Amino acid sequence: MITSFIDGRVRIKDEAFRLPSLASMVRSILISTEGVKEVAVNQRVGSLLIIYDSSKINIRALIHSLRGYITMSEDIETKKMAKVSRVFKQINVRRIANTGMLASLVMTLFAAAIDFTKVHVAAGLLFLGFWSIHLFRYREMIFA
């Protein structure tokens, strides 16, 4: 299982890496792979730290080279990547809703101050739209 991933650095945990013979064999295979700079094995916890050049090899190729030695499946990795993608999308929706509420509130107050009724009403409706997105996102907490 991938426990940490930054482009150029990945940590993989698997119980199989606690076996000294298997860990050294996987290390030697990875070191001979083009683009892999360094491989560190921690047998006590069963993890592998791989530092690689992301311009020469990508994470999928690294995982593919380990396929026969570790127990992770492609489905698990695909689900993990989809979950990360969903989290980033949720953060973007929250940021857009919050920024939209703030901007439309400021516009509403400014339009009210200079007595520009049409802009005041339009900005107020825009604020209500962003506010409804906010309420929908947090409906379980608000209406519990």
C-alpha atoms as a PDB file:
ATOM      1  CA  MET A   1       0.000   0.000   0.000  1.00  0.00           C
ATOM      2  CA  ILE A   2       1.292   3.472  -0.859  1.00  0.00           C
ATOM      3  CA  THR A   3       1.511   5.413   2.393  1.00  0.00           C
ATOM      4  CA  SER A   4       3.239   8.539   1.122  1.00  0.00           C
ATOM      5  CA  PHE A   5       3.631   9.945  -2.359  1.00  0.00           C
ATOM      6  CA  ILE A   6       5.284  13.077  -3.663  1.00  0.00           C
ATOM      7  CA  ASP A   7       6.428  13.250  -7.262  1.00  0.00           C
ATOM      8  CA  GLY A   8       9.906  11.741  -7.134  1.00  0.00           C
ATOM      9  CA  ARG A   9       9.439  10.031  -3.757  1.00  0.00           C
ATOM     10  CA  VAL A  10       7.139   7.206  -2.729  1.00  0.00           C
ATOM     11  CA  ARG A  11       6.851   5.061   0.406  1.00  0.00           C
ATOM     12  CA  ILE A  12       5.230   1.644   0.094  1.00  0.00           C
ATOM     13  CA  LYS A  13       4.282  -0.533   3.071  1.00  0.00           C
ATOM     14  CA  ASP A  14       3.756  -4.264   2.802  1.00  0.00           C
ATOM     15  CA  GLU A  15       4.222  -7.115   5.262  1.00  0.00           C
ATOM     16  CA  ALA A  16       6.349  -8.904   2.663  1.00  0.00           C
ATOM     17  CA  PHE A  17       9.119  -6.315   3.097  1.00  0.00           C
ATOM     18  CA  ARG A  18       9.729  -7.621   6.639  1.00  0.00           C
ATOM     19  CA  LEU A  19      11.384 -10.696   5.111  1.00  0.00           C
ATOM     20  CA  PRO A  20      15.090  -9.889   4.640  1.00  0.00           C
ATOM     21  CA  SER A  21      15.563 -12.017   1.517  1.00  0.00           C
ATOM     22  CA  LEU A  22      12.552 -10.557  -0.279  1.00  0.00           C
ATOM     23  CA  ALA A  23      13.354  -6.995   0.775  1.00  0.00           C
ATOM     24  CA  SER A  24      16.933  -7.215  -0.531  1.00  0.00           C
ATOM     25  CA  MET A  25      15.762  -8.819  -3.793  1.00  0.00           C
ATOM     26  CA  VAL A  26      13.148  -6.071  -4.383  1.00  0.00           C
ATOM     27  CA  ARG A  27      15.750  -3.424  -3.510  1.00  0.00           C
ATOM     28  CA  SER A  28      18.233  -4.824  -6.052  1.00  0.00           C
ATOM     29  CA  ILE A  29      15.532  -4.996  -8.742  1.00  0.00           C
ATOM     30  CA  LEU A  30      14.518  -1.387  -8.118  1.00  0.00           C
ATOM     31  CA  ILE A  31      18.094  -0.075  -7.972  1.00  0.00           C
ATOM     32  CA  SER A  32      18.730  -1.602 -11.405  1.00  0.00           C
ATOM     33  CA  THR A  33      15.619   0.132 -12.805  1.00  0.00           C
ATOM     34  CA  GLU A  34      16.411   3.213 -14.896  1.00  0.00           C
ATOM     35  CA  GLY A  35      15.319   6.398 -13.143  1.00  0.00           C
ATOM     36  CA  VAL A  36      15.451   5.020  -9.594  1.00  0.00           C
ATOM     37  CA  LYS A  37      18.013   6.978  -7.577  1.00  0.00           C
ATOM     38  CA  GLU A  38      17.740   5.423  -4.130  1.00  0.00           C
ATOM     39  CA  VAL A  39      15.860   2.631  -2.357  1.00  0.00           C
ATOM     40  CA  ALA A  40      15.724   2.331   1.434  1.00  0.00           C
ATOM     41  CA  VAL A  41      14.198  -0.703   3.125  1.00  0.00           C
ATOM     42  CA  ASN A  42      12.843  -0.588   6.681  1.00  0.00           C
ATOM     43  CA  GLN A  43      12.312  -4.237   7.607  1.00  0.00           C
ATOM     44  CA  ARG A  44      11.083  -3.428  11.110  1.00  0.00           C
ATOM     45  CA  VAL A  45       7.900  -1.797   9.776  1.00  0.00           C
ATOM     46  CA  GLY A  46       7.897  -3.433   6.349  1.00  0.00           C
ATOM     47  CA  SER A  47       8.284  -0.360   4.181  1.00  0.00           C
ATOM     48  CA  LEU A  48      10.206   0.709   1.123  1.00  0.00           C
ATOM     49  CA  LEU A  49      11.232   4.288   0.386  1.00  0.00           C
ATOM     50  CA  ILE A  50      11.919   4.879  -3.305  1.00  0.00           C
ATOM     51  CA  ILE A  51      13.454   8.102  -4.567  1.00  0.00           C
ATOM     52  CA  TYR A  52      13.265   8.345  -8.341  1.00  0.00           C
ATOM     53  CA  ASP A  53      13.593  10.762 -11.231  1.00  0.00           C
ATOM     54  CA  SER A  54      10.014  11.472 -12.332  1.00  0.00           C
ATOM     55  CA  SER A  55      11.204  12.600 -15.769  1.00  0.00           C
ATOM     56  CA  LYS A  56      12.617   9.110 -16.476  1.00  0.00           C
ATOM     57  CA  ILE A  57      10.063   6.839 -14.772  1.00  0.00           C
ATOM     58  CA  ASN A  58       6.542   7.381 -13.438  1.00  0.00           C
ATOM     59  CA  ILE A  59       4.804   5.943 -10.400  1.00  0.00           C
ATOM     60  CA  ARG A  60       2.763   3.455 -12.429  1.00  0.00           C
ATOM     61  CA  ALA A  61       5.918   1.899 -13.896  1.00  0.00           C
ATOM     62  CA  LEU A  62       7.404   1.567 -10.406  1.00  0.00           C
ATOM     63  CA  ILE A  63       4.280  -0.098  -9.053  1.00  0.00           C
ATOM     64  CA  HIS A  64       4.147  -2.369 -12.085  1.00  0.00           C
ATOM     65  CA  SER A  65       7.725  -3.523 -11.446  1.00  0.00           C
ATOM     66  CA  LEU A  66       6.714  -4.457  -7.865  1.00  0.00           C
ATOM     67  CA  ARG A  67       3.480  -6.216  -8.860  1.00  0.00           C
ATOM     68  CA  GLY A  68       4.675  -9.759  -8.155  1.00  0.00           C
ATOM     69  CA  TYR A  69       6.257  -8.943  -4.801  1.00  0.00           C
ATOM     70  CA  ILE A  70       3.578  -6.977  -2.983  1.00  0.00           C
ATOM     71  CA  THR A  71      -0.066  -7.626  -2.221  1.00  0.00           C
ATOM     72  CA  MET A  72      -1.614  -4.372  -3.386  1.00  0.00           C
ATOM     73  CA  SER A  73      -3.984  -4.488  -6.309  1.00  0.00           C
ATOM     74  CA  GLU A  74      -4.620  -1.971  -9.053  1.00  0.00           C
ATOM     75  CA  ASP A  75      -8.225  -1.561  -7.892  1.00  0.00           C
ATOM     76  CA  ILE A  76      -7.076  -0.319  -4.484  1.00  0.00           C
ATOM     77  CA  GLU A  77      -4.734   2.208  -6.078  1.00  0.00           C
ATOM     78  CA  THR A  78      -7.409   3.366  -8.517  1.00  0.00           C
ATOM     79  CA  LYS A  79      -9.884   3.871  -5.657  1.00  0.00           C
ATOM     80  CA  LYS A  80      -7.270   5.772  -3.633  1.00  0.00           C
ATOM     81  CA  MET A  81      -6.521   8.100  -6.568  1.00  0.00           C
ATOM     82  CA  ALA A  82     -10.264   8.651  -7.141  1.00  0.00           C
ATOM     83  CA  LYS A  83     -10.713   9.508  -3.450  1.00  0.00           C
ATOM     84  CA  VAL A  84      -7.879  12.052  -3.594  1.00  0.00           C
ATOM     85  CA  SER A  85      -9.430  13.574  -6.714  1.00  0.00           C
ATOM     86  CA  ARG A  86     -12.832  13.835  -4.974  1.00  0.00           C
ATOM     87  CA  VAL A  87     -11.305  15.569  -1.961  1.00  0.00           C
ATOM     88  CA  PHE A  88      -9.649  18.177  -4.187  1.00  0.00           C
ATOM     89  CA  LYS A  89     -12.942  18.763  -5.997  1.00  0.00           C
ATOM     90  CA  GLN A  90     -14.741  19.215  -2.666  1.00  0.00           C
ATOM     91  CA  ILE A  91     -12.130  21.709  -1.521  1.00  0.00           C
ATOM     92  CA  ASN A  92     -12.569  23.668  -4.755  1.00  0.00           C
ATOM     93  CA  VAL A  93     -16.383  23.730  -4.398  1.00  0.00           C
ATOM     94  CA  ARG A  94     -16.070  24.954  -0.811  1.00  0.00           C
ATOM     95  CA  ARG A  95     -13.566  27.632  -1.794  1.00  0.00           C
ATOM     96  CA  ILE A  96     -15.717  28.802  -4.720  1.00  0.00           C
ATOM     97  CA  ALA A  97     -18.861  28.930  -2.567  1.00  0.00           C
ATOM     98  CA  ASN A  98     -17.145  30.845   0.242  1.00  0.00           C
ATOM     99  CA  THR A  99     -15.433  33.291  -2.114  1.00  0.00           C
ATOM    100  CA  GLY A 100     -18.669  33.768  -4.059  1.00  0.00           C
ATOM    101  CA  MET A 101     -20.635  34.489  -0.892  1.00  0.00           C
ATOM    102  CA  LEU A 102     -18.077  37.037   0.268  1.00  0.00           C
ATOM    103  CA  ALA A 103     -17.791  38.775  -3.113  1.00  0.00           C
ATOM    104  CA  SER A 104     -21.544  38.954  -3.669  1.00  0.00           C
ATOM    105  CA  LEU A 105     -22.099  40.228  -0.106  1.00  0.00           C
ATOM    106  CA  VAL A 106     -19.564  43.012  -0.650  1.00  0.00           C
ATOM    107  CA  MET A 107     -21.162  43.840  -3.998  1.00  0.00           C
ATOM    108  CA  THR A 108     -24.629  43.896  -2.378  1.00  0.00           C
ATOM    109  CA  LEU A 109     -23.501  46.249   0.380  1.00  0.00           C
ATOM    110  CA  PHE A 110     -21.670  48.510  -2.076  1.00  0.00           C
ATOM    111  CA  ALA A 111     -24.691  48.677  -4.406  1.00  0.00           C
ATOM    112  CA  ALA A 112     -26.963  49.465  -1.450  1.00  0.00           C
ATOM    113  CA  ALA A 113     -24.613  52.225  -0.281  1.00  0.00           C
ATOM    114  CA  ILE A 114     -24.650  54.009  -3.647  1.00  0.00           C
ATOM    115  CA  ASP A 115     -28.389  53.345  -4.123  1.00  0.00           C
ATOM    116  CA  PHE A 116     -28.012  51.144  -7.223  1.00  0.00           C
ATOM    117  CA  THR A 117     -31.093  48.943  -6.790  1.00  0.00           C
ATOM    118  CA  LYS A 118     -30.744  46.601  -9.789  1.00  0.00           C
ATOM    119  CA  VAL A 119     -27.162  45.650  -8.924  1.00  0.00           C
ATOM    120  CA  HIS A 120     -28.151  45.307  -5.252  1.00  0.00           C
ATOM    121  CA  VAL A 121     -30.935  42.845  -6.117  1.00  0.00           C
ATOM    122  CA  ALA A 122     -28.786  40.888  -8.604  1.00  0.00           C
ATOM    123  CA  ALA A 123     -25.911  40.590  -6.132  1.00  0.00           C
ATOM    124  CA  GLY A 124     -28.350  39.563  -3.403  1.00  0.00           C
ATOM    125  CA  LEU A 125     -29.701  36.773  -5.611  1.00  0.00           C
ATOM    126  CA  LEU A 126     -26.153  35.692  -6.417  1.00  0.00           C
ATOM    127  CA  PHE A 127     -25.392  35.600  -2.680  1.00  0.00           C
ATOM    128  CA  LEU A 128     -28.460  33.409  -2.097  1.00  0.00           C
ATOM    129  CA  GLY A 129     -27.248  31.031  -4.812  1.00  0.00           C
ATOM    130  CA  PHE A 130     -23.821  30.611  -3.200  1.00  0.00           C
ATOM    131  CA  TRP A 131     -25.448  30.368   0.217  1.00  0.00           C
ATOM    132  CA  SER A 132     -27.689  27.519  -1.004  1.00  0.00           C
ATOM    133  CA  ILE A 133     -24.594  25.647  -2.245  1.00  0.00           C
ATOM    134  CA  HIS A 134     -23.056  26.156   1.198  1.00  0.00           C
ATOM    135  CA  LEU A 135     -26.210  24.905   2.957  1.00  0.00           C
ATOM    136  CA  PHE A 136     -26.421  21.880   0.675  1.00  0.00           C
ATOM    137  CA  ARG A 137     -22.808  20.914   1.376  1.00  0.00           C
ATOM    138  CA  TYR A 138     -23.234  21.139   5.153  1.00  0.00           C
ATOM    139  CA  ARG A 139     -26.865  19.970   5.386  1.00  0.00           C
ATOM    140  CA  GLU A 140     -26.107  17.011   7.699  1.00  0.00           C
ATOM    141  CA  MET A 141     -24.419  19.242  10.268  1.00  0.00           C
ATOM    142  CA  ILE A 142     -26.914  22.112  10.011  1.00  0.00           C
ATOM    143  CA  PHE A 143     -30.168  20.153  10.014  1.00  0.00           C
ATOM    144  CA  ALA A 144     -29.160  17.294  12.332  1.00  0.00           C
END
